[in-house]
C-alpha atoms as a PDB file:
ATOM      1  CA  MET A   1     -22.553 -41.956  16.677  1.00  0.00           C
ATOM      2  CA  ALA A   2     -22.319 -42.072  20.372  1.00  0.00           C
ATOM      3  CA  ALA A   3     -18.498 -42.870  21.514  1.00  0.00           C
ATOM      4  CA  SER A   4     -17.609 -45.994  23.355  1.00  0.00           C
ATOM      5  CA  GLY A   5     -17.794 -45.822  26.995  1.00  0.00           C
ATOM      6  CA  THR A   6     -19.720 -42.533  27.046  1.00  0.00           C
ATOM      7  CA  PHE A   7     -23.307 -43.820  26.407  1.00  0.00           C
ATOM      8  CA  GLY A   8     -24.469 -46.389  28.370  1.00  0.00           C
ATOM      9  CA  ILE A   9     -27.693 -48.958  26.904  1.00  0.00           C
ATOM     10  CA  GLU A  10     -29.813 -46.851  30.013  1.00  0.00           C
ATOM     11  CA  TYR A  11     -29.518 -43.753  28.015  1.00  0.00           C
ATOM     12  CA  GLY A  12     -32.072 -45.224  26.228  1.00  0.00           C
ATOM     13  CA  GLU A  13     -34.739 -43.852  29.407  1.00  0.00           C
ATOM     14  CA  LEU A  14     -33.383 -40.698  28.806  1.00  0.00           C
ATOM     15  CA  THR A  15     -33.148 -39.784  24.680  1.00  0.00           C
ATOM     16  CA  ASN A  16     -34.426 -42.070  21.602  1.00  0.00           C
ATOM     17  CA  ILE A  17     -31.366 -44.279  20.496  1.00  0.00           C
ATOM     18  CA  ASP A  18     -32.697 -45.248  17.643  1.00  0.00           C
ATOM     19  CA  LEU A  19     -31.869 -41.628  16.254  1.00  0.00           C
ATOM     20  CA  LEU A  20     -28.203 -42.461  16.135  1.00  0.00           C
ATOM     21  CA  GLY A  21     -26.171 -43.816  13.125  1.00  0.00           C
ATOM     22  CA  ALA A  22     -24.820 -46.269  15.129  1.00  0.00           C
ATOM     23  CA  TYR A  23     -24.426 -47.736  18.611  1.00  0.00           C
ATOM     24  CA  VAL A  24     -21.151 -47.817  19.763  1.00  0.00           C
ATOM     25  CA  ALA A  25     -20.671 -49.987  23.110  1.00  0.00           C
ATOM     26  CA  LYS A  26     -18.058 -50.060  25.945  1.00  0.00           C
ATOM     27  CA  THR A  27     -14.855 -51.228  25.057  1.00  0.00           C
ATOM     28  CA  ILE A  28     -14.906 -55.083  26.077  1.00  0.00           C
ATOM     29  CA  SER A  29     -11.548 -57.537  26.266  1.00  0.00           C
ATOM     30  CA  LEU A  30     -11.645 -61.196  26.079  1.00  0.00           C
ATOM     31  CA  ASP A  31     -11.227 -61.697  29.932  1.00  0.00           C
ATOM     32  CA  PRO A  32     -12.780 -59.212  32.511  1.00  0.00           C
ATOM     33  CA  ARG A  33     -10.356 -56.026  33.211  1.00  0.00           C
ATOM     34  CA  VAL A  34     -10.681 -54.370  36.698  1.00  0.00           C
ATOM     35  CA  GLY A  35      -9.457 -51.061  35.522  1.00  0.00           C
ATOM     36  CA  ASN A  36      -7.291 -48.650  37.100  1.00  0.00           C
ATOM     37  CA  SER A  37      -7.102 -47.546  41.116  1.00  0.00           C
ATOM     38  CA  PRO A  38      -9.523 -44.391  42.180  1.00  0.00           C
ATOM     39  CA  PRO A  39      -9.793 -41.379  41.712  1.00  0.00           C
ATOM     40  CA  ARG A  40     -10.758 -42.214  37.714  1.00  0.00           C
ATOM     41  CA  ILE A  41     -12.075 -38.946  36.360  1.00  0.00           C
ATOM     42  CA  ALA A  42     -10.201 -35.500  36.858  1.00  0.00           C
ATOM     43  CA  GLU A  43     -12.688 -31.817  35.323  1.00  0.00           C
ATOM     44  CA  THR A  44      -9.869 -29.912  33.329  1.00  0.00           C
ATOM     45  CA  ALA A  45     -10.634 -26.532  31.243  1.00  0.00           C
ATOM     46  CA  SER A  46     -12.605 -27.403  28.720  1.00  0.00           C
ATOM     47  CA  GLY A  47     -12.720 -30.793  28.727  1.00  0.00           C
ATOM     48  CA  MET A  48     -12.044 -33.972  31.521  1.00  0.00           C
ATOM     49  CA  LEU A  49      -9.263 -36.310  32.340  1.00  0.00           C
ATOM     50  CA  ASN A  50     -10.353 -40.229  32.745  1.00  0.00           C
ATOM     51  CA  ALA A  51      -7.995 -42.956  33.249  1.00  0.00           C
ATOM     52  CA  ILE A  52     -10.833 -46.086  33.936  1.00  0.00           C
ATOM     53  CA  GLY A  53      -8.469 -48.602  32.485  1.00  0.00           C
ATOM     54  CA  LEU A  54     -11.093 -50.238  30.273  1.00  0.00           C
ATOM     55  CA  GLU A  55     -12.890 -51.818  32.943  1.00  0.00           C
ATOM     56  CA  ASN A  56     -15.480 -54.295  31.980  1.00  0.00           C
ATOM     57  CA  SER A  57     -16.607 -57.832  32.365  1.00  0.00           C
ATOM     58  CA  GLY A  58     -15.203 -59.842  29.500  1.00  0.00           C
ATOM     59  CA  ALA A  59     -16.414 -60.950  26.562  1.00  0.00           C
ATOM     60  CA  GLU A  60     -18.776 -64.247  27.956  1.00  0.00           C
ATOM     61  CA  ASP A  61     -20.669 -61.287  30.234  1.00  0.00           C
ATOM     62  CA  PHE A  62     -21.291 -58.775  27.265  1.00  0.00           C
ATOM     63  CA  ILE A  63     -22.572 -61.647  24.958  1.00  0.00           C
ATOM     64  CA  LYS A  64     -24.766 -63.210  27.677  1.00  0.00           C
ATOM     65  CA  ASN A  65     -26.051 -60.025  29.420  1.00  0.00           C
ATOM     66  CA  LYS A  66     -25.609 -57.075  27.420  1.00  0.00           C
ATOM     67  CA  LEU A  67     -25.776 -57.602  23.965  1.00  0.00           C
ATOM     68  CA  PRO A  68     -29.781 -59.201  24.216  1.00  0.00           C
ATOM     69  CA  LYS A  69     -30.304 -55.762  25.668  1.00  0.00           C
ATOM     70  CA  ILE A  70     -28.188 -53.856  23.191  1.00  0.00           C
ATOM     71  CA  ARG A  71     -29.827 -55.936  19.992  1.00  0.00           C
ATOM     72  CA  ALA A  72     -33.118 -54.529  21.262  1.00  0.00           C
ATOM     73  CA  PHE A  73     -32.123 -50.734  19.850  1.00  0.00           C
ATOM     74  CA  LYS A  74     -33.163 -50.675  15.516  1.00  0.00           C
ATOM     75  CA  VAL A  75     -29.474 -49.275  14.922  1.00  0.00           C
ATOM     76  CA  PRO A  76     -26.779 -50.846  13.885  1.00  0.00           C
ATOM     77  CA  LEU A  77     -24.356 -52.099  16.895  1.00  0.00           C
ATOM     78  CA  ILE A  78     -20.358 -51.257  16.775  1.00  0.00           C
ATOM     79  CA  ALA A  79     -18.878 -53.456  19.024  1.00  0.00           C
ATOM     80  CA  SER A  80     -15.299 -51.964  20.679  1.00  0.00           C
ATOM     81  CA  ILE A  81     -12.579 -54.412  21.328  1.00  0.00           C
ATOM     82  CA  ALA A  82      -9.244 -54.252  22.711  1.00  0.00           C
ATOM     83  CA  GLY A  83      -6.637 -56.862  23.649  1.00  0.00           C
ATOM     84  CA  GLU A  84      -2.728 -56.793  24.657  1.00  0.00           C
ATOM     85  CA  GLU A  85      -1.890 -59.298  21.734  1.00  0.00           C
ATOM     86  CA  CYS A  86      -3.095 -60.529  18.024  1.00  0.00           C
ATOM     87  CA  GLY A  87      -4.214 -64.352  19.599  1.00  0.00           C
ATOM     88  CA  GLU A  88      -6.167 -62.923  22.411  1.00  0.00           C
ATOM     89  CA  LEU A  89      -7.739 -60.306  20.113  1.00  0.00           C
ATOM     90  CA  THR A  90      -8.421 -63.001  17.334  1.00  0.00           C
ATOM     91  CA  ARG A  91     -10.398 -65.418  20.030  1.00  0.00           C
ATOM     92  CA  LEU A  92     -12.006 -62.454  21.294  1.00  0.00           C
ATOM     93  CA  VAL A  93     -13.640 -61.667  17.608  1.00  0.00           C
ATOM     94  CA  ARG A  94     -14.246 -64.935  17.024  1.00  0.00           C
ATOM     95  CA  MET A  95     -16.545 -65.279  20.212  1.00  0.00           C
ATOM     96  CA  LEU A  96     -18.311 -62.478  19.001  1.00  0.00           C
ATOM     97  CA  ASP A  97     -18.991 -63.761  15.397  1.00  0.00           C
ATOM     98  CA  LYS A  98     -20.884 -66.663  16.654  1.00  0.00           C
ATOM     99  CA  ALA A  99     -22.658 -64.306  19.084  1.00  0.00           C
ATOM    100  CA  GLY A 100     -23.698 -62.522  16.241  1.00  0.00           C
ATOM    101  CA  GLY A 101     -26.365 -59.646  16.113  1.00  0.00           C
ATOM    102  CA  ILE A 102     -23.130 -56.991  15.707  1.00  0.00           C
ATOM    103  CA  ASP A 103     -22.746 -55.019  12.585  1.00  0.00           C
ATOM    104  CA  ALA A 104     -19.119 -53.906  12.643  1.00  0.00           C
ATOM    105  CA  LEU A 105     -15.827 -53.672  15.236  1.00  0.00           C
ATOM    106  CA  GLU A 106     -14.214 -51.075  16.674  1.00  0.00           C
ATOM    107  CA  LEU A 107     -10.939 -52.075  17.170  1.00  0.00           C
ATOM    108  CA  ASN A 108      -9.164 -50.044  20.607  1.00  0.00           C
ATOM    109  CA  LEU A 109      -5.596 -50.013  19.792  1.00  0.00           C
ATOM    110  CA  SER A 110      -5.359 -46.388  21.373  1.00  0.00           C
ATOM    111  CA  CYS A 111      -6.570 -46.377  24.791  1.00  0.00           C
ATOM    112  CA  PRO A 112      -3.858 -44.406  26.566  1.00  0.00           C
ATOM    113  CA  ASN A 113      -5.187 -46.023  30.222  1.00  0.00           C
ATOM    114  CA  ILE A 114      -3.495 -50.001  29.920  1.00  0.00           C
ATOM    115  CA  LYS A 115      -0.539 -51.596  28.907  1.00  0.00           C
ATOM    116  CA  HIS A 116      -0.437 -54.261  26.017  1.00  0.00           C
ATOM    117  CA  GLY A 117       2.181 -57.185  27.030  1.00  0.00           C
ATOM    118  CA  ASN A 118       5.245 -55.916  27.034  1.00  0.00           C
ATOM    119  CA  ARG A 119       5.789 -53.545  24.389  1.00  0.00           C
ATOM    120  CA  LYS A 120       6.462 -50.191  25.367  1.00  0.00           C
ATOM    121  CA  GLY A 121       3.761 -47.748  24.897  1.00  0.00           C
ATOM    122  CA  LEU A 122       0.185 -48.119  22.512  1.00  0.00           C
ATOM    123  CA  ILE A 123      -0.158 -50.760  19.686  1.00  0.00           C
ATOM    124  CA  ALA A 124      -1.505 -47.337  17.871  1.00  0.00           C
ATOM    125  CA  GLN A 125       2.429 -45.635  18.532  1.00  0.00           C
ATOM    126  CA  ASP A 126       3.341 -48.179  16.244  1.00  0.00           C
ATOM    127  CA  VAL A 127       3.252 -49.018  12.510  1.00  0.00           C
ATOM    128  CA  ALA A 128       4.140 -52.726  12.486  1.00  0.00           C
ATOM    129  CA  ALA A 129       1.790 -53.364  15.590  1.00  0.00           C
ATOM    130  CA  THR A 130      -1.304 -51.523  14.072  1.00  0.00           C
ATOM    131  CA  PHE A 131      -0.824 -53.375  10.895  1.00  0.00           C
ATOM    132  CA  ASP A 132      -0.088 -56.912  12.326  1.00  0.00           C
ATOM    133  CA  ALA A 133      -3.419 -56.383  15.036  1.00  0.00           C
ATOM    134  CA  VAL A 134      -5.696 -55.335  12.421  1.00  0.00           C
ATOM    135  CA  LYS A 135      -4.593 -57.647   9.594  1.00  0.00           C
ATOM    136  CA  ALA A 136      -5.001 -60.874  12.842  1.00  0.00           C
ATOM    137  CA  VAL A 137      -9.200 -59.238  13.392  1.00  0.00           C
ATOM    138  CA  LYS A 138      -9.624 -59.166   9.814  1.00  0.00           C
ATOM    139  CA  LYS A 139      -8.277 -62.792   9.393  1.00  0.00           C
ATOM    140  CA  SER A 140     -10.451 -63.698  11.754  1.00  0.00           C
ATOM    141  CA  THR A 141     -14.535 -62.156  11.064  1.00  0.00           C
ATOM    142  CA  ARG A 142     -16.162 -60.949   8.172  1.00  0.00           C
ATOM    143  CA  LEU A 143     -17.371 -57.857  10.152  1.00  0.00           C
ATOM    144  CA  THR A 144     -16.291 -54.197   9.163  1.00  0.00           C
ATOM    145  CA  VAL A 145     -13.476 -53.260  11.393  1.00  0.00           C
ATOM    146  CA  ILE A 146     -12.957 -49.790  11.979  1.00  0.00           C
ATOM    147  CA  ALA A 147      -9.525 -49.109  13.505  1.00  0.00           C
ATOM    148  CA  LYS A 148      -9.319 -46.544  16.310  1.00  0.00           C
ATOM    149  CA  LEU A 149      -5.987 -44.687  16.345  1.00  0.00           C
ATOM    150  CA  SER A 150      -4.161 -42.577  19.164  1.00  0.00           C
ATOM    151  CA  PRO A 151      -3.149 -39.033  18.809  1.00  0.00           C
ATOM    152  CA  ASN A 152      -0.197 -39.477  20.886  1.00  0.00           C
ATOM    153  CA  VAL A 153       1.881 -39.791  17.790  1.00  0.00           C
ATOM    154  CA  THR A 154       4.298 -37.442  16.203  1.00  0.00           C
ATOM    155  CA  ASP A 155       2.845 -38.079  12.667  1.00  0.00           C
ATOM    156  CA  ILE A 156      -0.191 -39.735  11.985  1.00  0.00           C
ATOM    157  CA  THR A 157      -0.358 -40.613   8.698  1.00  0.00           C
ATOM    158  CA  PRO A 158       2.029 -43.820   8.444  1.00  0.00           C
ATOM    159  CA  ILE A 159      -0.350 -45.311  10.976  1.00  0.00           C
ATOM    160  CA  ALA A 160      -3.326 -44.743   9.214  1.00  0.00           C
ATOM    161  CA  GLN A 161      -1.750 -46.047   5.801  1.00  0.00           C
ATOM    162  CA  ALA A 162      -0.401 -49.255   7.997  1.00  0.00           C
ATOM    163  CA  ALA A 163      -4.003 -49.949   9.213  1.00  0.00           C
ATOM    164  CA  GLU A 164      -5.670 -49.043   5.693  1.00  0.00           C
ATOM    165  CA  ASP A 165      -3.003 -51.519   4.001  1.00  0.00           C
ATOM    166  CA  ALA A 166      -4.007 -54.270   6.825  1.00  0.00           C
ATOM    167  CA  GLY A 167      -7.344 -54.346   5.595  1.00  0.00           C
ATOM    168  CA  ALA A 168      -9.475 -51.901   8.127  1.00  0.00           C
ATOM    169  CA  ASP A 169     -12.504 -50.701   6.392  1.00  0.00           C
ATOM    170  CA  ALA A 170     -12.403 -47.438   7.799  1.00  0.00           C
ATOM    171  CA  LEU A 171     -10.484 -45.461  10.722  1.00  0.00           C
ATOM    172  CA  SER A 172     -11.618 -43.647  14.134  1.00  0.00           C
ATOM    173  CA  LEU A 173      -9.965 -40.582  14.919  1.00  0.00           C
ATOM    174  CA  VAL A 174      -8.514 -39.663  17.419  1.00  0.00           C
ATOM    175  CA  ASN A 175      -8.987 -41.174  20.965  1.00  0.00           C
ATOM    176  CA  THR A 176      -7.678 -39.222  23.796  1.00  0.00           C
ATOM    177  CA  PHE A 177      -4.448 -37.335  24.382  1.00  0.00           C
ATOM    178  CA  ILE A 178      -2.372 -38.377  27.276  1.00  0.00           C
ATOM    179  CA  GLY A 179      -2.325 -35.798  30.412  1.00  0.00           C
ATOM    180  CA  MET A 180      -2.669 -35.294  33.843  1.00  0.00           C
ATOM    181  CA  ALA A 181      -3.710 -32.615  36.773  1.00  0.00           C
ATOM    182  CA  VAL A 182      -2.231 -32.263  40.115  1.00  0.00           C
ATOM    183  CA  ASP A 183      -3.876 -31.550  43.345  1.00  0.00           C
ATOM    184  CA  ILE A 184      -1.717 -28.757  44.967  1.00  0.00           C
ATOM    185  CA  GLU A 185      -3.062 -28.982  48.152  1.00  0.00           C
ATOM    186  CA  ASN A 186      -1.882 -32.341  48.794  1.00  0.00           C
ATOM    187  CA  ALA A 187       0.996 -32.498  46.292  1.00  0.00           C
ATOM    188  CA  CYS A 188      -0.389 -35.518  44.375  1.00  0.00           C
ATOM    189  CA  PRO A 189      -2.143 -36.495  40.871  1.00  0.00           C
ATOM    190  CA  LYS A 190      -5.333 -35.915  40.913  1.00  0.00           C
ATOM    191  CA  LEU A 191      -5.517 -39.299  39.051  1.00  0.00           C
ATOM    192  CA  GLY A 192      -4.482 -42.550  40.513  1.00  0.00           C
ATOM    193  CA  ASN A 193      -2.721 -44.019  37.602  1.00  0.00           C
ATOM    194  CA  ILE A 194      -1.256 -40.778  37.772  1.00  0.00           C
ATOM    195  CA  THR A 195      -2.036 -39.570  34.063  1.00  0.00           C
ATOM    196  CA  GLY A 196      -5.267 -39.781  31.967  1.00  0.00           C
ATOM    197  CA  GLY A 197      -7.194 -39.162  28.726  1.00  0.00           C
ATOM    198  CA  LEU A 198      -7.868 -35.656  28.239  1.00  0.00           C
ATOM    199  CA  SER A 199     -11.408 -35.495  25.788  1.00  0.00           C
ATOM    200  CA  GLY A 200     -13.940 -32.325  25.666  1.00  0.00           C
ATOM    201  CA  PRO A 201     -13.740 -29.207  24.079  1.00  0.00           C
ATOM    202  CA  ALA A 202      -9.847 -28.569  24.553  1.00  0.00           C
ATOM    203  CA  ILE A 203      -8.809 -31.449  21.935  1.00  0.00           C
ATOM    204  CA  LYS A 204     -10.704 -30.424  19.096  1.00  0.00           C
ATOM    205  CA  PRO A 205      -8.336 -28.604  17.270  1.00  0.00           C
ATOM    206  CA  ILE A 206      -5.709 -30.625  17.191  1.00  0.00           C
ATOM    207  CA  ALA A 207      -8.543 -33.634  16.472  1.00  0.00           C
ATOM    208  CA  LEU A 208      -9.120 -31.856  13.289  1.00  0.00           C
ATOM    209  CA  ARG A 209      -5.878 -31.617  12.210  1.00  0.00           C
ATOM    210  CA  PHE A 210      -5.383 -35.220  12.684  1.00  0.00           C
ATOM    211  CA  VAL A 211      -8.361 -36.229  10.890  1.00  0.00           C
ATOM    212  CA  LYS A 212      -7.470 -33.466   7.405  1.00  0.00           C
ATOM    213  CA  GLU A 213      -3.895 -35.522   7.370  1.00  0.00           C
ATOM    214  CA  ALA A 214      -5.033 -38.704   7.702  1.00  0.00           C
ATOM    215  CA  TYR A 215      -8.100 -38.237   5.097  1.00  0.00           C
ATOM    216  CA  GLU A 216      -5.287 -37.041   2.960  1.00  0.00           C
ATOM    217  CA  ALA A 217      -3.593 -39.703   3.309  1.00  0.00           C
ATOM    218  CA  VAL A 218      -5.844 -42.930   3.405  1.00  0.00           C
ATOM    219  CA  ASP A 219      -8.806 -43.729   0.951  1.00  0.00           C
ATOM    220  CA  ILE A 220     -11.052 -45.499   3.379  1.00  0.00           C
ATOM    221  CA  PRO A 221     -13.850 -43.632   5.731  1.00  0.00           C
ATOM    222  CA  ILE A 222     -12.839 -41.803   8.619  1.00  0.00           C
ATOM    223  CA  VAL A 223     -15.019 -41.249  11.711  1.00  0.00           C
ATOM    224  CA  GLY A 224     -14.127 -38.291  13.574  1.00  0.00           C
ATOM    225  CA  ILE A 225     -13.780 -37.474  17.331  1.00  0.00           C
ATOM    226  CA  GLY A 226     -12.921 -35.288  19.623  1.00  0.00           C
ATOM    227  CA  GLY A 227     -14.689 -32.436  21.520  1.00  0.00           C
ATOM    228  CA  ILE A 228     -18.039 -32.316  19.475  1.00  0.00           C
ATOM    229  CA  MET A 229     -20.545 -30.166  21.367  1.00  0.00           C
ATOM    230  CA  ASN A 230     -22.465 -29.499  19.286  1.00  0.00           C
ATOM    231  CA  TYR A 231     -23.566 -29.212  15.002  1.00  0.00           C
ATOM    232  CA  GLN A 232     -21.044 -26.696  14.213  1.00  0.00           C
ATOM    233  CA  ASP A 233     -18.147 -28.585  15.528  1.00  0.00           C
ATOM    234  CA  ALA A 234     -19.599 -32.096  13.770  1.00  0.00           C
ATOM    235  CA  ILE A 235     -19.838 -29.839  10.316  1.00  0.00           C
ATOM    236  CA  GLU A 236     -16.333 -28.598  10.971  1.00  0.00           C
ATOM    237  CA  PHE A 237     -15.170 -32.492  11.159  1.00  0.00           C
ATOM    238  CA  PHE A 238     -17.542 -33.290   7.762  1.00  0.00           C
ATOM    239  CA  LEU A 239     -15.496 -30.488   6.266  1.00  0.00           C
ATOM    240  CA  CYS A 240     -11.919 -31.979   6.949  1.00  0.00           C
ATOM    241  CA  GLY A 241     -13.062 -35.426   5.855  1.00  0.00           C
ATOM    242  CA  ALA A 242     -14.620 -37.300   8.144  1.00  0.00           C
ATOM    243  CA  SER A 243     -17.500 -39.495   7.080  1.00  0.00           C
ATOM    244  CA  ALA A 244     -19.285 -39.686  10.194  1.00  0.00           C
ATOM    245  CA  VAL A 245     -18.653 -38.743  13.708  1.00  0.00           C
ATOM    246  CA  GLN A 246     -18.752 -40.518  17.122  1.00  0.00           C
ATOM    247  CA  ILE A 247     -19.825 -37.733  20.576  1.00  0.00           C
ATOM    248  CA  GLY A 248     -18.243 -38.538  23.688  1.00  0.00           C
ATOM    249  CA  THR A 249     -17.740 -36.358  26.773  1.00  0.00           C
ATOM    250  CA  ALA A 250     -21.307 -34.089  25.680  1.00  0.00           C
ATOM    251  CA  ASN A 251     -23.057 -36.979  26.495  1.00  0.00           C
ATOM    252  CA  PHE A 252     -22.194 -36.195  30.173  1.00  0.00           C
ATOM    253  CA  VAL A 253     -23.452 -33.077  29.896  1.00  0.00           C
ATOM    254  CA  ASP A 254     -26.728 -34.206  28.316  1.00  0.00           C
ATOM    255  CA  PRO A 255     -27.560 -37.437  26.604  1.00  0.00           C
ATOM    256  CA  ASN A 256     -29.552 -35.345  24.259  1.00  0.00           C
ATOM    257  CA  THR A 257     -26.750 -34.029  22.366  1.00  0.00           C
ATOM    258  CA  PRO A 258     -26.429 -36.549  19.655  1.00  0.00           C
ATOM    259  CA  LYS A 259     -29.581 -36.367  18.988  1.00  0.00           C
ATOM    260  CA  ASP A 260     -29.998 -32.395  18.919  1.00  0.00           C
ATOM    261  CA  ILE A 261     -26.498 -32.293  16.312  1.00  0.00           C
ATOM    262  CA  ILE A 262     -28.443 -34.527  13.807  1.00  0.00           C
ATOM    263  CA  TYR A 263     -31.062 -31.944  13.704  1.00  0.00           C
ATOM    264  CA  GLY A 264     -28.538 -29.481  13.626  1.00  0.00           C
ATOM    265  CA  ILE A 265     -26.688 -30.876  10.682  1.00  0.00           C
ATOM    266  CA  LYS A 266     -30.301 -31.436   8.809  1.00  0.00           C
ATOM    267  CA  LYS A 267     -30.850 -27.510   9.379  1.00  0.00           C
ATOM    268  CA  TYR A 268     -27.565 -26.451   8.103  1.00  0.00           C
ATOM    269  CA  MET A 269     -27.594 -28.527   5.012  1.00  0.00           C
ATOM    270  CA  GLN A 270     -30.937 -27.276   4.082  1.00  0.00           C
ATOM    271  CA  ARG A 271     -29.925 -23.704   4.671  1.00  0.00           C
ATOM    272  CA  LYS A 272     -26.713 -24.626   2.452  1.00  0.00           C
ATOM    273  CA  ASN A 273     -28.706 -26.165   0.044  1.00  0.00           C
ATOM    274  CA  ILE A 274     -26.613 -29.564   0.450  1.00  0.00           C
ATOM    275  CA  THR A 275     -28.507 -32.430  -0.635  1.00  0.00           C
ATOM    276  CA  ASN A 276     -26.171 -35.400   1.174  1.00  0.00           C
ATOM    277  CA  MET A 277     -23.320 -35.929   2.818  1.00  0.00           C
ATOM    278  CA  LYS A 278     -20.971 -35.689  -0.057  1.00  0.00           C
ATOM    279  CA  GLY A 279     -21.833 -32.191  -0.491  1.00  0.00           C
ATOM    280  CA  LEU A 280     -19.725 -31.987   2.880  1.00  0.00           C
ATOM    281  CA  ILE A 281     -17.220 -34.372   3.226  1.00  0.00           C
ATOM    282  CA  GLY A 282     -13.606 -33.082   2.708  1.00  0.00           C
ATOM    283  CA  LYS A 283     -15.035 -29.752   1.364  1.00  0.00           C
ATOM    284  CA  LEU A 284     -12.554 -27.696   3.296  1.00  0.00           C
ATOM    285  CA  ARG A 285     -11.420 -24.928   0.749  1.00  0.00           C
ATOM    286  CA  THR A 286      -7.610 -24.142   1.359  1.00  0.00           C
END
């Protein structure tokens, strides 16, 4: 899959989107969000920081103007959603259910660039808040619900278990790490939001650890995310327990990266005489 916010529908002019396992749309909220103040992007060693702040035009615009274009793709559509409290999420989910044409929801509980009501920290940093949010969404839809969790926690396992206990059908691991960069000439942060979400190859070793730990703690599928730039990276996530992967930062370098990774996985499996994905998932030897 291509990770939310990294693969616009215009990429269809550059690569064959229908080769993907699924298309994950950019995160939407019930009402429009203006996002954070610029600058919003800063390059780092082996990665990048972003502080977009979930800028989007809201659910009504998504349903009216964007959903019809995405429906033209043949691959399953996963809508990424976010909200500051359960009531907002419930209303958003019901709108999307009514609109139709959506195959699953990725519940973004972990964007590091927004605040969730009066709560300190992220929903995905709190066991009870994670449980409540997933439970509310599951009660409001029959669609598959994928809980996207944060790596900005001491221990991922209780959060992952809370999402599973609340009814999540799968987990996405992980979202970006909170970081910052400094402009030494002007003695100021490089991002208008001061901090942002770190992504790219720099985070892959830590993301792999989170996937492995969650795989050993829950029984639902895991979507691995974090610094996947080639098929070798993807294979690492499968071996650690991921049933699928999402490509993010690499799409900014080359929109054909997901396609190249798919072909690379096929060739790897042929070379290893692996006939299906079950021969890869969680097969790490320890």
